[in-house]
Amino acid sequence: MIFGFTEDQLADFFLTYGVGGFMVFMVFIIGNLAWQSKAGRFGTFVIFLGLGLGMVGFAAKFIIQLWIGK
């Protein structure tokens, strides 16, 4: 037990909220990359589509887990 939590509870928390928070941070990184490269609207869309596709998969996994009832 670490700080009164089991390893399973800590792993579940950080894999859900820690990775989710990192994904939100990645949106700002991708936006900054698009802004610095002066990509324009279509270029920004392509950058967000290409780099953000993994985030959609993670969010879908979380929603499917909630839907199934884990």
PDB file of N, CA and C in Angstrom:
ATOM      1  N   MET A   1       0.836  -1.186   0.000  1.00  0.00           N
ATOM      2  CA  MET A   1       0.000   0.000   0.000  1.00  0.00           C
ATOM      3  C   MET A   1       0.879   1.247   0.000  1.00  0.00           C
ATOM      4  N   ILE A   2       0.517   2.169  -0.833  1.00  0.00           N
ATOM      5  CA  ILE A   2       1.226   3.432  -0.942  1.00  0.00           C
ATOM      6  C   ILE A   2       0.223   4.539  -0.650  1.00  0.00           C
ATOM      7  N   PHE A   3       0.471   5.301   0.413  1.00  0.00           N
ATOM      8  CA  PHE A   3      -0.412   6.393   0.837  1.00  0.00           C
ATOM      9  C   PHE A   3      -1.845   5.892   1.054  1.00  0.00           C
ATOM     10  N   GLY A   4      -1.992   4.670   1.486  1.00  0.00           N
ATOM     11  CA  GLY A   4      -3.308   4.113   1.767  1.00  0.00           C
ATOM     12  C   GLY A   4      -4.037   3.563   0.561  1.00  0.00           C
ATOM     13  N   PHE A   5      -3.390   3.526  -0.599  1.00  0.00           N
ATOM     14  CA  PHE A   5      -4.006   3.000  -1.812  1.00  0.00           C
ATOM     15  C   PHE A   5      -3.248   1.768  -2.275  1.00  0.00           C
ATOM     16  N   THR A   6      -3.960   0.840  -2.877  1.00  0.00           N
ATOM     17  CA  THR A   6      -3.299  -0.339  -3.426  1.00  0.00           C
ATOM     18  C   THR A   6      -2.673   0.015  -4.775  1.00  0.00           C
ATOM     19  N   GLU A   7      -1.800  -0.851  -5.222  1.00  0.00           N
ATOM     20  CA  GLU A   7      -1.144  -0.629  -6.506  1.00  0.00           C
ATOM     21  C   GLU A   7      -2.163  -0.622  -7.647  1.00  0.00           C
ATOM     22  N   ASP A   8      -3.169  -1.458  -7.543  1.00  0.00           N
ATOM     23  CA  ASP A   8      -4.210  -1.517  -8.572  1.00  0.00           C
ATOM     24  C   ASP A   8      -5.000  -0.208  -8.636  1.00  0.00           C
ATOM     25  N   GLN A   9      -5.313   0.360  -7.481  1.00  0.00           N
ATOM     26  CA  GLN A   9      -6.049   1.626  -7.457  1.00  0.00           C
ATOM     27  C   GLN A   9      -5.214   2.762  -8.042  1.00  0.00           C
ATOM     28  N   LEU A  10      -3.933   2.805  -7.694  1.00  0.00           N
ATOM     29  CA  LEU A  10      -3.055   3.847  -8.230  1.00  0.00           C
ATOM     30  C   LEU A  10      -2.884   3.711  -9.738  1.00  0.00           C
ATOM     31  N   ALA A  11      -2.675   2.483 -10.201  1.00  0.00           N
ATOM     32  CA  ALA A  11      -2.504   2.263 -11.637  1.00  0.00           C
ATOM     33  C   ALA A  11      -3.768   2.650 -12.398  1.00  0.00           C
ATOM     34  N   ASP A  12      -4.924   2.290 -11.884  1.00  0.00           N
ATOM     35  CA  ASP A  12      -6.184   2.626 -12.536  1.00  0.00           C
ATOM     36  C   ASP A  12      -6.378   4.139 -12.597  1.00  0.00           C
ATOM     37  N   PHE A  13      -6.066   4.820 -11.500  1.00  0.00           N
ATOM     38  CA  PHE A  13      -6.226   6.273 -11.460  1.00  0.00           C
ATOM     39  C   PHE A  13      -5.305   6.963 -12.461  1.00  0.00           C
ATOM     40  N   PHE A  14      -4.015   6.618 -12.437  1.00  0.00           N
ATOM     41  CA  PHE A  14      -3.072   7.323 -13.297  1.00  0.00           C
ATOM     42  C   PHE A  14      -3.197   6.921 -14.761  1.00  0.00           C
ATOM     43  N   LEU A  15      -3.625   5.697 -15.043  1.00  0.00           N
ATOM     44  CA  LEU A  15      -3.837   5.333 -16.439  1.00  0.00           C
ATOM     45  C   LEU A  15      -5.069   6.017 -17.004  1.00  0.00           C
ATOM     46  N   THR A  16      -6.030   6.342 -16.161  1.00  0.00           N
ATOM     47  CA  THR A  16      -7.220   7.032 -16.640  1.00  0.00           C
ATOM     48  C   THR A  16      -7.009   8.536 -16.659  1.00  0.00           C
ATOM     49  N   TYR A  17      -6.694   9.126 -15.519  1.00  0.00           N
ATOM     50  CA  TYR A  17      -6.610  10.582 -15.412  1.00  0.00           C
ATOM     51  C   TYR A  17      -5.231  11.134 -15.756  1.00  0.00           C
ATOM     52  N   GLY A  18      -4.187  10.399 -15.455  1.00  0.00           N
ATOM     53  CA  GLY A  18      -2.838  10.866 -15.795  1.00  0.00           C
ATOM     54  C   GLY A  18      -2.616  10.903 -17.288  1.00  0.00           C
ATOM     55  N   VAL A  19      -2.970   9.823 -17.971  1.00  0.00           N
ATOM     56  CA  VAL A  19      -2.819   9.785 -19.422  1.00  0.00           C
ATOM     57  C   VAL A  19      -3.812  10.741 -20.074  1.00  0.00           C
ATOM     58  N   GLY A  20      -5.017  10.851 -19.509  1.00  0.00           N
ATOM     59  CA  GLY A  20      -5.990  11.815 -20.032  1.00  0.00           C
ATOM     60  C   GLY A  20      -5.487  13.248 -19.932  1.00  0.00           C
ATOM     61  N   GLY A  21      -4.890  13.586 -18.800  1.00  0.00           N
ATOM     62  CA  GLY A  21      -4.311  14.920 -18.632  1.00  0.00           C
ATOM     63  C   GLY A  21      -3.155  15.156 -19.591  1.00  0.00           C
ATOM     64  N   PHE A  22      -2.366  14.128 -19.813  1.00  0.00           N
ATOM     65  CA  PHE A  22      -1.267  14.245 -20.776  1.00  0.00           C
ATOM     66  C   PHE A  22      -1.811  14.454 -22.189  1.00  0.00           C
ATOM     67  N   MET A  23      -2.938  13.836 -22.504  1.00  0.00           N
ATOM     68  CA  MET A  23      -3.551  14.020 -23.819  1.00  0.00           C
ATOM     69  C   MET A  23      -4.018  15.456 -23.996  1.00  0.00           C
ATOM     70  N   VAL A  24      -4.582  16.058 -22.964  1.00  0.00           N
ATOM     71  CA  VAL A  24      -4.990  17.465 -23.038  1.00  0.00           C
ATOM     72  C   VAL A  24      -3.764  18.351 -23.261  1.00  0.00           C
ATOM     73  N   PHE A  25      -2.673  18.043 -22.590  1.00  0.00           N
ATOM     74  CA  PHE A  25      -1.433  18.778 -22.780  1.00  0.00           C
ATOM     75  C   PHE A  25      -0.925  18.615 -24.215  1.00  0.00           C
ATOM     76  N   MET A  26      -1.087  17.426 -24.783  1.00  0.00           N
ATOM     77  CA  MET A  26      -0.663  17.173 -26.160  1.00  0.00           C
ATOM     78  C   MET A  26      -1.446  18.023 -27.155  1.00  0.00           C
ATOM     79  N   VAL A  27      -2.714  18.322 -26.854  1.00  0.00           N
ATOM     80  CA  VAL A  27      -3.498  19.189 -27.741  1.00  0.00           C
ATOM     81  C   VAL A  27      -2.830  20.565 -27.836  1.00  0.00           C
ATOM     82  N   PHE A  28      -2.351  21.087 -26.717  1.00  0.00           N
ATOM     83  CA  PHE A  28      -1.655  22.373 -26.733  1.00  0.00           C
ATOM     84  C   PHE A  28      -0.334  22.276 -27.484  1.00  0.00           C
ATOM     85  N   ILE A  29       0.362  21.163 -27.355  1.00  0.00           N
ATOM     86  CA  ILE A  29       1.620  20.972 -28.080  1.00  0.00           C
ATOM     87  C   ILE A  29       1.362  20.921 -29.584  1.00  0.00           C
ATOM     88  N   ILE A  30       0.336  20.180 -29.999  1.00  0.00           N
ATOM     89  CA  ILE A  30       0.004  20.079 -31.419  1.00  0.00           C
ATOM     90  C   ILE A  30      -0.428  21.435 -31.959  1.00  0.00           C
ATOM     91  N   GLY A  31      -1.222  22.164 -31.192  1.00  0.00           N
ATOM     92  CA  GLY A  31      -1.642  23.499 -31.613  1.00  0.00           C
ATOM     93  C   GLY A  31      -0.470  24.446 -31.765  1.00  0.00           C
ATOM     94  N   ASN A  32       0.465  24.379 -30.841  1.00  0.00           N
ATOM     95  CA  ASN A  32       1.656  25.227 -30.924  1.00  0.00           C
ATOM     96  C   ASN A  32       2.505  24.842 -32.135  1.00  0.00           C
ATOM     97  N   LEU A  33       2.600  23.548 -32.401  1.00  0.00           N
ATOM     98  CA  LEU A  33       3.338  23.095 -33.574  1.00  0.00           C
ATOM     99  C   LEU A  33       2.701  23.615 -34.857  1.00  0.00           C
ATOM    100  N   ALA A  34       1.378  23.565 -34.937  1.00  0.00           N
ATOM    101  CA  ALA A  34       0.671  24.078 -36.118  1.00  0.00           C
ATOM    102  C   ALA A  34       0.852  25.589 -36.250  1.00  0.00           C
ATOM    103  N   TRP A  35       0.835  26.302 -35.138  1.00  0.00           N
ATOM    104  CA  TRP A  35       0.980  27.758 -35.170  1.00  0.00           C
ATOM    105  C   TRP A  35       2.388  28.155 -35.599  1.00  0.00           C
ATOM    106  N   GLN A  36       3.411  27.477 -35.045  1.00  0.00           N
ATOM    107  CA  GLN A  36       4.790  27.825 -35.375  1.00  0.00           C
ATOM    108  C   GLN A  36       5.142  27.487 -36.817  1.00  0.00           C
ATOM    109  N   SER A  37       4.515  26.448 -37.366  1.00  0.00           N
ATOM    110  CA  SER A  37       4.822  26.067 -38.740  1.00  0.00           C
ATOM    111  C   SER A  37       3.993  26.854 -39.757  1.00  0.00           C
ATOM    112  N   LYS A  38       3.077  27.707 -39.257  1.00  0.00           N
ATOM    113  CA  LYS A  38       2.188  28.500 -40.121  1.00  0.00           C
ATOM    114  C   LYS A  38       1.477  27.589 -41.121  1.00  0.00           C
ATOM    115  N   ALA A  39       0.827  26.554 -40.561  1.00  0.00           N
ATOM    116  CA  ALA A  39       0.256  25.492 -41.385  1.00  0.00           C
ATOM    117  C   ALA A  39      -1.028  25.910 -42.089  1.00  0.00           C
ATOM    118  N   GLY A  40      -1.723  26.899 -41.625  1.00  0.00           N
ATOM    119  CA  GLY A  40      -3.004  27.263 -42.208  1.00  0.00           C
ATOM    120  C   GLY A  40      -4.104  26.359 -41.680  1.00  0.00           C
ATOM    121  N   ARG A  41      -5.316  26.562 -42.185  1.00  0.00           N
ATOM    122  CA  ARG A  41      -6.453  25.784 -41.658  1.00  0.00           C
ATOM    123  C   ARG A  41      -6.364  24.310 -42.021  1.00  0.00           C
ATOM    124  N   PHE A  42      -6.124  24.033 -43.294  1.00  0.00           N
ATOM    125  CA  PHE A  42      -6.071  22.632 -43.721  1.00  0.00           C
ATOM    126  C   PHE A  42      -4.868  21.919 -43.117  1.00  0.00           C
ATOM    127  N   GLY A  43      -3.733  22.590 -43.081  1.00  0.00           N
ATOM    128  CA  GLY A  43      -2.543  22.001 -42.487  1.00  0.00           C
ATOM    129  C   GLY A  43      -2.728  21.714 -41.008  1.00  0.00           C
ATOM    130  N   THR A  44      -3.372  22.623 -40.305  1.00  0.00           N
ATOM    131  CA  THR A  44      -3.657  22.410 -38.887  1.00  0.00           C
ATOM    132  C   THR A  44      -4.589  21.221 -38.701  1.00  0.00           C
ATOM    133  N   PHE A  45      -5.588  21.116 -39.582  1.00  0.00           N
ATOM    134  CA  PHE A  45      -6.497  19.967 -39.529  1.00  0.00           C
ATOM    135  C   PHE A  45      -5.734  18.663 -39.732  1.00  0.00           C
ATOM    136  N   VAL A  46      -4.829  18.635 -40.700  1.00  0.00           N
ATOM    137  CA  VAL A  46      -4.052  17.424 -40.973  1.00  0.00           C
ATOM    138  C   VAL A  46      -3.138  17.091 -39.795  1.00  0.00           C
ATOM    139  N   ILE A  47      -2.531  18.101 -39.202  1.00  0.00           N
ATOM    140  CA  ILE A  47      -1.659  17.865 -38.044  1.00  0.00           C
ATOM    141  C   ILE A  47      -2.467  17.290 -36.881  1.00  0.00           C
ATOM    142  N   PHE A  48      -3.622  17.893 -36.591  1.00  0.00           N
ATOM    143  CA  PHE A  48      -4.449  17.387 -35.504  1.00  0.00           C
ATOM    144  C   PHE A  48      -4.975  15.993 -35.815  1.00  0.00           C
ATOM    145  N   LEU A  49      -5.312  15.728 -37.072  1.00  0.00           N
ATOM    146  CA  LEU A  49      -5.806  14.411 -37.455  1.00  0.00           C
ATOM    147  C   LEU A  49      -4.714  13.359 -37.296  1.00  0.00           C
ATOM    148  N   GLY A  50      -3.541  13.656 -37.817  1.00  0.00           N
ATOM    149  CA  GLY A  50      -2.450  12.679 -37.769  1.00  0.00           C
ATOM    150  C   GLY A  50      -1.925  12.427 -36.376  1.00  0.00           C
ATOM    151  N   LEU A  51      -1.668  13.489 -35.633  1.00  0.00           N
ATOM    152  CA  LEU A  51      -1.078  13.327 -34.309  1.00  0.00           C
ATOM    153  C   LEU A  51      -2.129  13.035 -33.235  1.00  0.00           C
ATOM    154  N   GLY A  52      -3.375  13.406 -33.507  1.00  0.00           N
ATOM    155  CA  GLY A  52      -4.414  13.214 -32.508  1.00  0.00           C
ATOM    156  C   GLY A  52      -5.207  11.936 -32.652  1.00  0.00           C
ATOM    157  N   LEU A  53      -4.897  11.121 -33.661  1.00  0.00           N
ATOM    158  CA  LEU A  53      -5.666   9.907 -33.884  1.00  0.00           C
ATOM    159  C   LEU A  53      -5.502   8.903 -32.737  1.00  0.00           C
ATOM    160  N   GLY A  54      -4.335   8.843 -32.143  1.00  0.00           N
ATOM    161  CA  GLY A  54      -4.124   7.949 -30.997  1.00  0.00           C
ATOM    162  C   GLY A  54      -4.953   8.359 -29.794  1.00  0.00           C
ATOM    163  N   MET A  55      -5.174   9.646 -29.640  1.00  0.00           N
ATOM    164  CA  MET A  55      -5.999  10.130 -28.531  1.00  0.00           C
ATOM    165  C   MET A  55      -7.442   9.675 -28.692  1.00  0.00           C
ATOM    166  N   VAL A  56      -7.917   9.628 -29.916  1.00  0.00           N
ATOM    167  CA  VAL A  56      -9.284   9.167 -30.171  1.00  0.00           C
ATOM    168  C   VAL A  56      -9.416   7.700 -29.767  1.00  0.00           C
ATOM    169  N   GLY A  57      -8.405   6.914 -30.069  1.00  0.00           N
ATOM    170  CA  GLY A  57      -8.420   5.502 -29.682  1.00  0.00           C
ATOM    171  C   GLY A  57      -8.445   5.318 -28.177  1.00  0.00           C
ATOM    172  N   PHE A  58      -7.658   6.110 -27.464  1.00  0.00           N
ATOM    173  CA  PHE A  58      -7.648   6.014 -26.001  1.00  0.00           C
ATOM    174  C   PHE A  58      -8.989   6.422 -25.418  1.00  0.00           C
ATOM    175  N   ALA A  59      -9.567   7.503 -25.936  1.00  0.00           N
ATOM    176  CA  ALA A  59     -10.874   7.951 -25.451  1.00  0.00           C
ATOM    177  C   ALA A  59     -11.950   6.914 -25.770  1.00  0.00           C
ATOM    178  N   ALA A  60     -11.871   6.309 -26.945  1.00  0.00           N
ATOM    179  CA  ALA A  60     -12.843   5.275 -27.312  1.00  0.00           C
ATOM    180  C   ALA A  60     -12.727   4.071 -26.385  1.00  0.00           C
ATOM    181  N   LYS A  61     -11.510   3.695 -26.030  1.00  0.00           N
ATOM    182  CA  LYS A  61     -11.310   2.580 -25.107  1.00  0.00           C
ATOM    183  C   LYS A  61     -11.950   2.871 -23.755  1.00  0.00           C
ATOM    184  N   PHE A  62     -11.779   4.090 -23.279  1.00  0.00           N
ATOM    185  CA  PHE A  62     -12.357   4.474 -21.995  1.00  0.00           C
ATOM    186  C   PHE A  62     -13.880   4.444 -22.052  1.00  0.00           C
ATOM    187  N   ILE A  63     -14.454   4.966 -23.133  1.00  0.00           N
ATOM    188  CA  ILE A  63     -15.918   4.978 -23.279  1.00  0.00           C
ATOM    189  C   ILE A  63     -16.470   3.562 -23.406  1.00  0.00           C
ATOM    190  N   ILE A  64     -15.772   2.718 -24.167  1.00  0.00           N
ATOM    191  CA  ILE A  64     -16.224   1.325 -24.308  1.00  0.00           C
ATOM    192  C   ILE A  64     -16.170   0.598 -22.977  1.00  0.00           C
ATOM    193  N   GLN A  65     -15.130   0.851 -22.186  1.00  0.00           N
ATOM    194  CA  GLN A  65     -15.040   0.229 -20.869  1.00  0.00           C
ATOM    195  C   GLN A  65     -16.189   0.667 -19.973  1.00  0.00           C
ATOM    196  N   LEU A  66     -16.538   1.940 -20.021  1.00  0.00           N
ATOM    197  CA  LEU A  66     -17.665   2.426 -19.226  1.00  0.00           C
ATOM    198  C   LEU A  66     -18.972   1.804 -19.706  1.00  0.00           C
ATOM    199  N   TRP A  67     -19.126   1.678 -21.025  1.00  0.00           N
ATOM    200  CA  TRP A  67     -20.350   1.142 -21.607  1.00  0.00           C
ATOM    201  C   TRP A  67     -20.542  -0.333 -21.258  1.00  0.00           C
ATOM    202  N   ILE A  68     -19.480  -1.095 -21.327  1.00  0.00           N
ATOM    203  CA  ILE A  68     -19.564  -2.523 -21.017  1.00  0.00           C
ATOM    204  C   ILE A  68     -19.769  -2.738 -19.523  1.00  0.00           C
ATOM    205  N   GLY A  69     -19.288  -1.842 -18.729  1.00  0.00           N
ATOM    206  CA  GLY A  69     -19.467  -1.950 -17.288  1.00  0.00           C
ATOM    207  C   GLY A  69     -18.284  -2.563 -16.587  1.00  0.00           C
ATOM    208  N   LYS A  70     -17.203  -2.695 -17.316  1.00  0.00           N
ATOM    209  CA  LYS A  70     -15.942  -3.187 -16.775  1.00  0.00           C
ATOM    210  C   LYS A  70     -16.212  -4.381 -15.947  1.00  0.00           C
TER     211      LYS A  70
END
